């Protein structure tokens, strides 16, 4: 019996952003939950993760590389637009 050793993911600011962004995307039903393999919408959790990204944006202003700043800016813009779109659909 062989067991695969999972690859270690590098801890970085971009990895943190990707993690929070992925959690928000899953909560918006844009990606399946890896534990259930089902898509689920939880706007409260999605908003929390978007808020956490906004906190990081405010607290790191002036301390990020251009690539990190651009990634965070685009990630937030995309998630905010999807949140508004999905929240609007939920009200119908």
Foldseek 3Di string as FASTA:
>chain_A
DDDDDDDDDDDDLVVVLVVLLVQLCQQLQNAPDVVVRGRHHDLVSNVVSLVVLVVVLVVCVPPDDPVSNVVSVVSSVVSVVSSVVSVVVVVD
